[in-house]
Amino acid sequence: MMRKMPKMVHDDEDGNTLTIQPGAIETITWRFEGDEMVVFAFNIPGHFDAGMFKKIELK
């Protein structure tokens, strides 16, 4: 789907999102404090519902 929409970009100035080209590798580093659950998800409509997310428990 992303290949069909090559001009779609999700880069934000705050550094919380990143758009990369197919096959490319990029890195985002986040630091969390506490002991709660964090959910990482694609911010493209339908992706979360399709299971494209990850839950991580902070300890």
C-alpha atoms as a PDB file:
ATOM      1  CA  MET A   1       0.000   0.000   0.000  1.00  0.00           C
ATOM      2  CA  MET A   2       2.798   2.442   0.874  1.00  0.00           C
ATOM      3  CA  ARG A   3       4.414   1.804  -2.520  1.00  0.00           C
ATOM      4  CA  LYS A   4       1.175   2.985  -4.118  1.00  0.00           C
ATOM      5  CA  MET A   5       1.398   6.265  -2.138  1.00  0.00           C
ATOM      6  CA  PRO A   6       5.091   7.248  -2.321  1.00  0.00           C
ATOM      7  CA  LYS A   7       4.444  10.900  -1.416  1.00  0.00           C
ATOM      8  CA  MET A   8       2.765  10.069   1.922  1.00  0.00           C
ATOM      9  CA  VAL A   9       5.034  11.353   4.697  1.00  0.00           C
ATOM     10  CA  HIS A  10       4.665  11.059   8.464  1.00  0.00           C
ATOM     11  CA  ASP A  11       7.780  12.859   9.710  1.00  0.00           C
ATOM     12  CA  ASP A  12       6.993  15.210  12.579  1.00  0.00           C
ATOM     13  CA  GLU A  13       9.215  17.989  13.855  1.00  0.00           C
ATOM     14  CA  ASP A  14       9.086  16.538  17.377  1.00  0.00           C
ATOM     15  CA  GLY A  15      10.893  13.369  16.256  1.00  0.00           C
ATOM     16  CA  ASN A  16       8.147  10.944  17.319  1.00  0.00           C
ATOM     17  CA  THR A  17       7.358   9.607  13.858  1.00  0.00           C
ATOM     18  CA  LEU A  18       9.435   8.619  10.887  1.00  0.00           C
ATOM     19  CA  THR A  19       8.745   7.694   7.274  1.00  0.00           C
ATOM     20  CA  ILE A  20      11.250   5.403   5.567  1.00  0.00           C
ATOM     21  CA  GLN A  21      11.483   3.983   2.073  1.00  0.00           C
ATOM     22  CA  PRO A  22      10.874   0.247   1.504  1.00  0.00           C
ATOM     23  CA  GLY A  23      14.022  -1.685   2.417  1.00  0.00           C
ATOM     24  CA  ALA A  24      15.603   1.267   4.233  1.00  0.00           C
ATOM     25  CA  ILE A  25      16.667   1.247   7.886  1.00  0.00           C
ATOM     26  CA  GLU A  26      16.266   4.191  10.262  1.00  0.00           C
ATOM     27  CA  THR A  27      16.470   4.574  14.046  1.00  0.00           C
ATOM     28  CA  ILE A  28      14.315   6.397  16.584  1.00  0.00           C
ATOM     29  CA  THR A  29      15.406   6.364  20.216  1.00  0.00           C
ATOM     30  CA  TRP A  30      12.806   6.934  22.918  1.00  0.00           C
ATOM     31  CA  ARG A  31      13.299   6.934  26.671  1.00  0.00           C
ATOM     32  CA  PHE A  32      10.435   5.967  28.955  1.00  0.00           C
ATOM     33  CA  GLU A  33      10.221   6.056  32.728  1.00  0.00           C
ATOM     34  CA  GLY A  34       7.747   4.242  34.927  1.00  0.00           C
ATOM     35  CA  ASP A  35       6.220   0.798  34.998  1.00  0.00           C
ATOM     36  CA  GLU A  36       3.332   1.082  32.600  1.00  0.00           C
ATOM     37  CA  MET A  37       2.471  -0.467  29.257  1.00  0.00           C
ATOM     38  CA  VAL A  38       3.609   1.382  26.109  1.00  0.00           C
ATOM     39  CA  VAL A  39       1.975   0.684  22.752  1.00  0.00           C
ATOM     40  CA  PHE A  40       3.863   1.386  19.529  1.00  0.00           C
ATOM     41  CA  ALA A  41       1.668   1.614  16.441  1.00  0.00           C
ATOM     42  CA  PHE A  42       1.585   2.797  12.863  1.00  0.00           C
ATOM     43  CA  ASN A  43      -0.273   6.096  12.563  1.00  0.00           C
ATOM     44  CA  ILE A  44      -1.748   5.197   9.191  1.00  0.00           C
ATOM     45  CA  PRO A  45      -5.527   4.500   9.222  1.00  0.00           C
ATOM     46  CA  GLY A  46      -6.323   0.791   9.415  1.00  0.00           C
ATOM     47  CA  HIS A  47      -2.829  -0.346  10.413  1.00  0.00           C
ATOM     48  CA  PHE A  48      -3.569  -0.675  14.149  1.00  0.00           C
ATOM     49  CA  ASP A  49      -6.765  -2.617  13.425  1.00  0.00           C
ATOM     50  CA  ALA A  50      -4.738  -4.901  11.156  1.00  0.00           C
ATOM     51  CA  GLY A  51      -2.468  -5.781  14.090  1.00  0.00           C
ATOM     52  CA  MET A  52       0.474  -3.559  13.184  1.00  0.00           C
ATOM     53  CA  PHE A  53       1.375  -2.586  16.752  1.00  0.00           C
ATOM     54  CA  LYS A  54       3.552  -3.785  19.628  1.00  0.00           C
ATOM     55  CA  LYS A  55       2.899  -3.615  23.366  1.00  0.00           C
ATOM     56  CA  ILE A  56       5.890  -3.312  25.689  1.00  0.00           C
ATOM     57  CA  GLU A  57       5.687  -3.475  29.476  1.00  0.00           C
ATOM     58  CA  LEU A  58       8.100  -1.131  31.245  1.00  0.00           C
ATOM     59  CA  LYS A  59       9.725  -2.577  34.338  1.00  0.00           C
END
